[in-house]
Every structure is written in structure tokens, then in C-alpha cells.
Amino acid sequence: MSFDLVVVAIDPNASDEQVRAMVRRCDSGSHVEGELDDRIVGFYESLRSHYPDFPPYDEDSPWMSTPLDVGIDHVSMQLSYSQRSDPALSLIDELARRYGLMIYDPQGDEVTRPDDVRIPPDPALVATWESLRAPES
């Protein structure tokens, strides 16, 4: 199983709907021409230095589809729905904040802004999450 995340370089004052519209445009293949956004370049280079999206791949690679979809203003990622993605998710969040990028989660239709407060998850939710990920016997 996998899940998707999209990191976008958009005005920090953009509404959630503007972020969603940008992601839809990127998904449609209708990319805007122009110069690469330096924030996207920094994010992608830092991310792939830890988790390459070109061979050779480590067995702990979080990617379900490679190479990552990179445009002038976004990086789309398809990650494994497993524990091997946990460190990558933390890094994606850290880098998005560092570079002032927004994260869009299409599964939950949620936008996370660089300055959003991250609340540590409830241990009971973490236990439930882990039990759902556990391989069936």
C-alpha cells in the first residue's frame, strides 16, 4: 500500500483552496513554464541526499514510485504505507518548514503550512496506527 504527499512552493498567504487548485494543475500535467523555485530545489536536493529517487535504492527506501515528480513549484511523492516511511515523513516535514513550503495530503485533503503547530500524536493513536500496519499472520 502507498500514500501520496505533495509539497508546493506557493505564497504563504494562499488559501487551502488555492493550494488544492495548484496541486490539481500539477497533477493534470499542465505545468507553468518558468524558473525553478529555489525552495523546491533546496527541498528536493536535501530530500534525495537522504532518500535517493534514482538507483541504486536502499532496502529502506520509502518511495513506491520513482523518480519523484518534480516541477518548478512542486514535488509529488508516493510513499510506502509502512514503518520505513516514518523517518522520511519526519524529514519531509522538517524540510518543508525549513524551505517555507506547504504540504498537501490528498488522502485527507489537508494542507499543512510551514508555521502550523505540530502536536505530538496521542500514544493510543500511534498504537492503533502500528496495529493497522502490522503484517497479517
Protein backbone atom coordinates (compact mmCIF):
# COMPACT_ATOMS: atom_id res chain seq x y z
CA MET A 1 0.00 0.00 0.00
CA SER A 2 1.05 3.58 -0.55
CA PHE A 3 0.00 7.15 0.05
CA ASP A 4 0.79 10.44 -1.63
CA LEU A 5 2.12 13.78 -0.45
CA VAL A 6 2.73 16.92 -2.48
CA VAL A 7 5.00 19.75 -1.37
CA VAL A 8 4.31 23.08 -3.10
CA ALA A 9 6.00 26.46 -3.32
CA ILE A 10 3.13 28.91 -3.11
CA ASP A 11 2.53 32.28 -1.49
CA PRO A 12 2.41 31.78 2.30
CA ASN A 13 -0.91 33.64 2.39
CA ALA A 14 -2.54 31.31 -0.15
CA SER A 15 -5.80 29.73 0.93
CA ASP A 16 -6.21 25.97 1.27
CA GLU A 17 -8.34 26.05 -1.89
CA GLN A 18 -5.54 27.81 -3.80
CA VAL A 19 -3.13 25.09 -2.67
CA ARG A 20 -5.58 22.39 -3.81
CA ALA A 21 -6.03 24.14 -7.18
CA MET A 22 -2.27 24.28 -7.65
CA VAL A 23 -1.92 20.57 -6.87
CA ARG A 24 -4.72 19.73 -9.34
CA ARG A 25 -2.94 21.78 -12.01
CA CYS A 26 0.34 19.99 -11.32
CA ASP A 27 -1.40 16.59 -11.39
CA SER A 28 -3.01 17.41 -14.74
CA GLY A 29 0.39 17.84 -16.37
CA SER A 30 -0.44 21.47 -17.16
CA HIS A 31 2.73 22.90 -15.64
CA VAL A 32 3.57 26.56 -15.64
CA GLU A 33 6.76 27.40 -17.52
CA GLY A 34 9.45 29.33 -15.72
CA GLU A 35 12.42 29.16 -13.43
CA LEU A 36 12.72 26.54 -10.73
CA ASP A 37 11.69 27.85 -7.33
CA ASP A 38 14.82 27.85 -5.15
CA ARG A 39 12.79 26.47 -2.24
CA ILE A 40 11.79 23.41 -4.29
CA VAL A 41 15.38 22.90 -5.42
CA GLY A 42 16.64 23.05 -1.82
CA PHE A 43 13.89 20.74 -0.58
CA TYR A 44 14.41 18.15 -3.34
CA GLU A 45 18.21 18.13 -3.14
CA SER A 46 18.12 17.75 0.66
CA LEU A 47 15.46 15.03 0.49
CA ARG A 48 17.19 12.96 -2.17
CA SER A 49 20.53 13.20 -0.37
CA HIS A 50 18.87 11.10 2.37
CA TYR A 51 16.44 9.10 0.22
CA PRO A 52 17.59 8.84 -3.41
CA ASP A 53 14.90 8.52 -6.05
CA PHE A 54 17.28 7.05 -8.64
CA PRO A 55 19.09 3.68 -8.44
CA PRO A 56 20.70 2.18 -6.53
CA TYR A 57 17.97 2.11 -3.89
CA ASP A 58 18.43 1.16 -0.27
CA GLU A 59 16.11 -1.54 1.01
CA ASP A 60 14.70 1.03 3.43
CA SER A 61 13.68 3.41 0.63
CA PRO A 62 10.29 4.98 1.38
CA TRP A 63 9.41 5.52 -2.30
CA MET A 64 6.77 3.45 -4.07
CA SER A 65 7.24 5.31 -7.36
CA THR A 66 10.44 6.80 -8.71
CA PRO A 67 11.75 9.15 -9.78
CA LEU A 68 9.76 11.66 -7.77
CA ASP A 69 7.56 14.03 -9.78
CA VAL A 70 9.38 17.35 -9.59
CA GLY A 71 8.18 20.56 -11.22
CA ILE A 72 9.27 24.16 -10.95
CA ASP A 73 6.95 24.64 -7.98
CA HIS A 74 6.22 21.20 -6.50
CA VAL A 75 7.48 17.75 -5.53
CA SER A 76 4.95 14.88 -5.59
CA MET A 77 5.81 11.76 -3.64
CA GLN A 78 4.27 8.31 -3.37
CA LEU A 79 5.41 6.69 -0.13
CA SER A 80 5.17 3.20 1.29
CA TYR A 81 2.45 2.78 3.89
CA SER A 82 4.90 1.14 6.28
CA GLN A 83 7.36 1.91 9.06
CA ARG A 84 10.13 2.52 6.57
CA SER A 85 8.40 5.80 5.64
CA ASP A 86 8.38 7.20 9.18
CA PRO A 87 11.87 8.77 9.04
CA ALA A 88 11.15 10.15 5.56
CA LEU A 89 7.90 11.75 6.78
CA SER A 90 9.76 13.48 9.59
CA LEU A 91 12.37 14.73 7.13
CA ILE A 92 9.72 15.90 4.64
CA ASP A 93 8.03 17.89 7.41
CA GLU A 94 11.32 19.35 8.64
CA LEU A 95 12.44 20.34 5.14
CA ALA A 96 9.06 21.82 4.21
CA ARG A 97 9.24 24.04 7.27
CA ARG A 98 12.88 24.96 6.60
CA TYR A 99 12.16 25.97 3.00
CA GLY A 100 8.77 27.60 3.66
CA LEU A 101 6.77 25.07 1.63
CA MET A 102 3.25 23.75 2.10
CA ILE A 103 2.42 20.05 2.29
CA TYR A 104 -0.77 18.75 0.73
CA ASP A 105 -2.13 15.35 1.80
CA PRO A 106 -4.67 14.25 -0.84
CA GLN A 107 -5.87 11.30 1.26
CA GLY A 108 -7.16 13.61 3.98
CA ASP A 109 -7.48 16.71 1.77
CA GLU A 110 -5.31 18.53 4.32
CA VAL A 111 -2.92 21.44 3.87
CA THR A 112 -0.04 21.82 6.32
CA ARG A 113 1.66 25.21 6.43
CA PRO A 114 5.28 25.79 7.46
CA ASP A 115 4.25 27.60 10.63
CA ASP A 116 1.49 25.18 11.69
CA VAL A 117 1.93 23.80 15.19
CA ARG A 118 2.69 20.09 15.12
CA ILE A 119 1.06 18.34 18.06
CA PRO A 120 2.67 15.06 19.10
CA PRO A 121 0.27 12.21 18.36
CA ASP A 122 -1.68 10.55 21.14
CA PRO A 123 0.11 7.28 22.12
CA ALA A 124 -3.19 5.38 21.74
CA LEU A 125 -3.47 6.60 18.14
CA VAL A 126 0.13 5.58 17.48
CA ALA A 127 -0.60 2.09 18.86
CA THR A 128 -3.68 1.81 16.64
CA TRP A 129 -1.68 3.01 13.62
CA GLU A 130 1.04 0.43 14.32
CA SER A 131 -1.51 -2.38 14.71
CA LEU A 132 -3.03 -1.48 11.34
CA ARG A 133 0.40 -1.63 9.73
CA ALA A 134 1.33 -4.94 11.31
CA PRO A 135 1.50 -7.76 8.77
CA GLU A 136 -1.37 -10.19 8.95
CA SER A 137 -0.45 -13.63 10.25
